[in-house]
Protein backbone atom coordinates (compact mmCIF):
# COMPACT_ATOMS: atom_id res chain seq x y z
CA MET A 1 0.00 0.00 0.00
CA ALA A 2 2.94 2.32 0.63
CA ALA A 3 4.09 1.91 -2.98
CA LEU A 4 0.74 3.26 -4.24
CA ALA A 5 0.88 6.42 -2.11
CA PRO A 6 2.32 8.61 -4.91
CA ALA A 7 -0.25 7.24 -7.37
CA ARG A 8 -3.08 8.04 -4.98
CA GLY A 9 -1.91 11.64 -4.91
CA LEU A 10 -1.99 11.83 -8.71
CA VAL A 11 -5.47 10.34 -8.99
CA GLY A 12 -6.87 12.48 -6.25
CA VAL A 13 -7.66 9.74 -3.74
CA SER A 14 -8.29 11.09 -0.30
CA ARG A 15 -5.57 9.82 2.03
CA SER A 16 -7.86 9.68 4.99
CA THR A 17 -10.85 7.86 3.49
CA GLY A 18 -9.30 6.12 0.46
CA VAL A 19 -12.29 7.16 -1.68
CA ILE A 20 -11.94 8.90 -5.02
CA PRO A 21 -13.77 12.24 -4.88
CA PRO A 22 -16.58 12.80 -7.40
CA ILE A 23 -15.07 13.74 -10.75
CA ILE A 24 -18.12 14.91 -12.72
CA SER A 25 -19.85 17.07 -10.15
CA SER A 26 -20.21 17.38 -6.43
CA GLY A 27 -23.60 18.93 -6.03
CA LYS A 28 -24.26 22.29 -7.66
CA THR A 29 -20.77 23.06 -9.01
CA PRO A 30 -19.30 21.20 -11.97
CA GLY A 31 -16.36 18.94 -11.26
CA PRO A 32 -12.94 18.90 -12.91
CA LEU A 33 -14.04 16.50 -15.68
CA ALA A 34 -16.84 18.85 -16.73
CA TRP A 35 -14.36 21.76 -16.92
CA ILE A 36 -11.93 19.65 -18.95
CA ALA A 37 -14.71 18.56 -21.33
CA ALA A 38 -15.87 22.17 -21.76
CA ALA A 39 -12.30 23.36 -22.41
CA PHE A 40 -11.84 20.56 -24.95
CA ALA A 41 -15.10 21.47 -26.72
CA VAL A 42 -14.09 25.13 -26.90
CA THR A 43 -10.66 24.18 -28.23
CA VAL A 44 -12.18 21.94 -30.92
CA GLY A 45 -14.56 24.75 -31.91
CA VAL A 46 -11.74 27.29 -32.19
CA GLN A 47 -9.67 24.83 -34.21
CA ALA A 48 -12.60 24.19 -36.59
CA ILE A 49 -13.11 27.91 -37.13
CA ALA A 50 -9.38 28.47 -37.67
CA THR A 51 -9.15 25.57 -40.13
CA ARG A 52 -12.14 26.85 -42.09
CA ALA A 53 -10.64 30.35 -42.24
CA PHE A 54 -7.26 28.95 -43.34
CA VAL A 55 -8.76 26.84 -46.13
CA THR A 56 -10.96 29.71 -47.32
CA MET A 57 -8.11 32.22 -47.39
CA THR A 58 -5.74 29.75 -49.05
CA GLY A 59 -8.34 29.05 -51.74
CA ARG A 60 -8.92 32.75 -52.37
CA VAL A 61 -5.20 33.47 -52.65
CA GLY A 62 -4.72 30.49 -54.96
CA GLN A 63 -7.60 31.53 -57.20
CA ALA A 64 -6.27 35.10 -57.35
CA VAL A 65 -2.85 33.81 -58.42
CA VAL A 66 -4.37 31.59 -61.12
CA LEU A 67 -6.55 34.45 -62.38
CA GLU A 68 -3.57 36.80 -62.60
CA LEU A 69 -1.50 34.19 -64.47
CA ARG A 70 -4.35 33.58 -66.91
CA ARG A 71 -4.68 37.30 -67.56
CA ARG A 72 -0.96 37.67 -68.17
CA VAL A 73 -0.79 34.69 -70.52
CA PHE A 74 -3.90 35.83 -72.40
CA GLY A 75 -2.50 39.36 -72.76
CA HIS A 76 0.81 38.00 -73.96
CA MET A 77 -0.80 35.68 -76.47
CA GLN A 78 -2.99 38.53 -77.76
CA ALA A 79 0.08 40.72 -78.23
CA LEU A 80 1.77 38.13 -80.46
CA SER A 81 1.31 38.31 -84.20
CA VAL A 82 -1.00 36.07 -86.17
CA ALA A 83 2.02 34.75 -88.08
CA PHE A 84 3.49 33.47 -84.83
CA HIS A 85 0.30 31.59 -83.99
CA GLU A 86 0.14 30.06 -87.42
CA SER A 87 3.77 28.95 -87.41
CA TYR A 88 4.02 27.75 -83.82
CA THR A 89 2.98 24.14 -83.29
CA LEU A 90 2.32 22.60 -79.93
CA GLY A 91 2.00 19.00 -81.02
CA PRO A 92 -1.07 16.82 -81.52
CA GLY A 93 -3.33 19.30 -79.71
CA ASP A 94 -2.38 22.22 -81.94
CA LEU A 95 -5.57 23.50 -83.54
CA PRO A 96 -4.06 25.44 -86.48
CA GLY A 97 -1.73 22.53 -87.13
CA ARG A 98 -4.60 20.07 -87.22
CA HIS A 99 -6.54 22.39 -89.49
CA ARG A 100 -3.65 22.65 -91.96
CA THR A 101 -3.05 18.90 -92.05
CA SER A 102 -6.72 18.04 -92.38
CA ARG A 103 -7.01 20.34 -95.42
CA ARG A 104 -4.12 18.58 -97.10
CA SER A 105 -5.16 15.11 -96.11
CA PRO A 106 -6.44 12.90 -98.96
CA ARG A 107 -9.28 11.60 -96.79
CA CYS A 108 -10.80 15.06 -96.49
CA SER A 109 -10.65 15.94 -100.16
CA ARG A 110 -13.49 14.09 -101.84
CA ARG A 111 -13.77 14.25 -105.53
CA GLY A 112 -17.10 13.31 -107.00
C-alpha cells in the first residue's frame, strides 16, 4: 500500500478515506471533468473555425494567383502576331496545325 501512495496523490484519492472524490460534479458546481470537457469542446470549436478560415483564405489566394496568371498569358498571347500563332505548333493538340493537315489530307478531299 505504501508503494501506491504517490499514485493516490496523482489520482486524487483522499488519504484519509481512500475514496476517489466525485469527478463529474459534487452537487451544484461542476467537477474537474466537466471543466476539462468544456475546455476541450471550446478548443475543438476554435480549431474548426481556424481551419475553415485557413482553407478559405488559401483558396482565395490560390484563385487570385491563377486568375492573374491567366490574364498575363492571355494578354501575352494577344500581343503576339497572327504569323506566330500560325507557325508555332504545340503538337497533336495544336488546332491550327490540325486544321492545316486536315485540309491537305487525302481523306478530307473528296472528288465526286
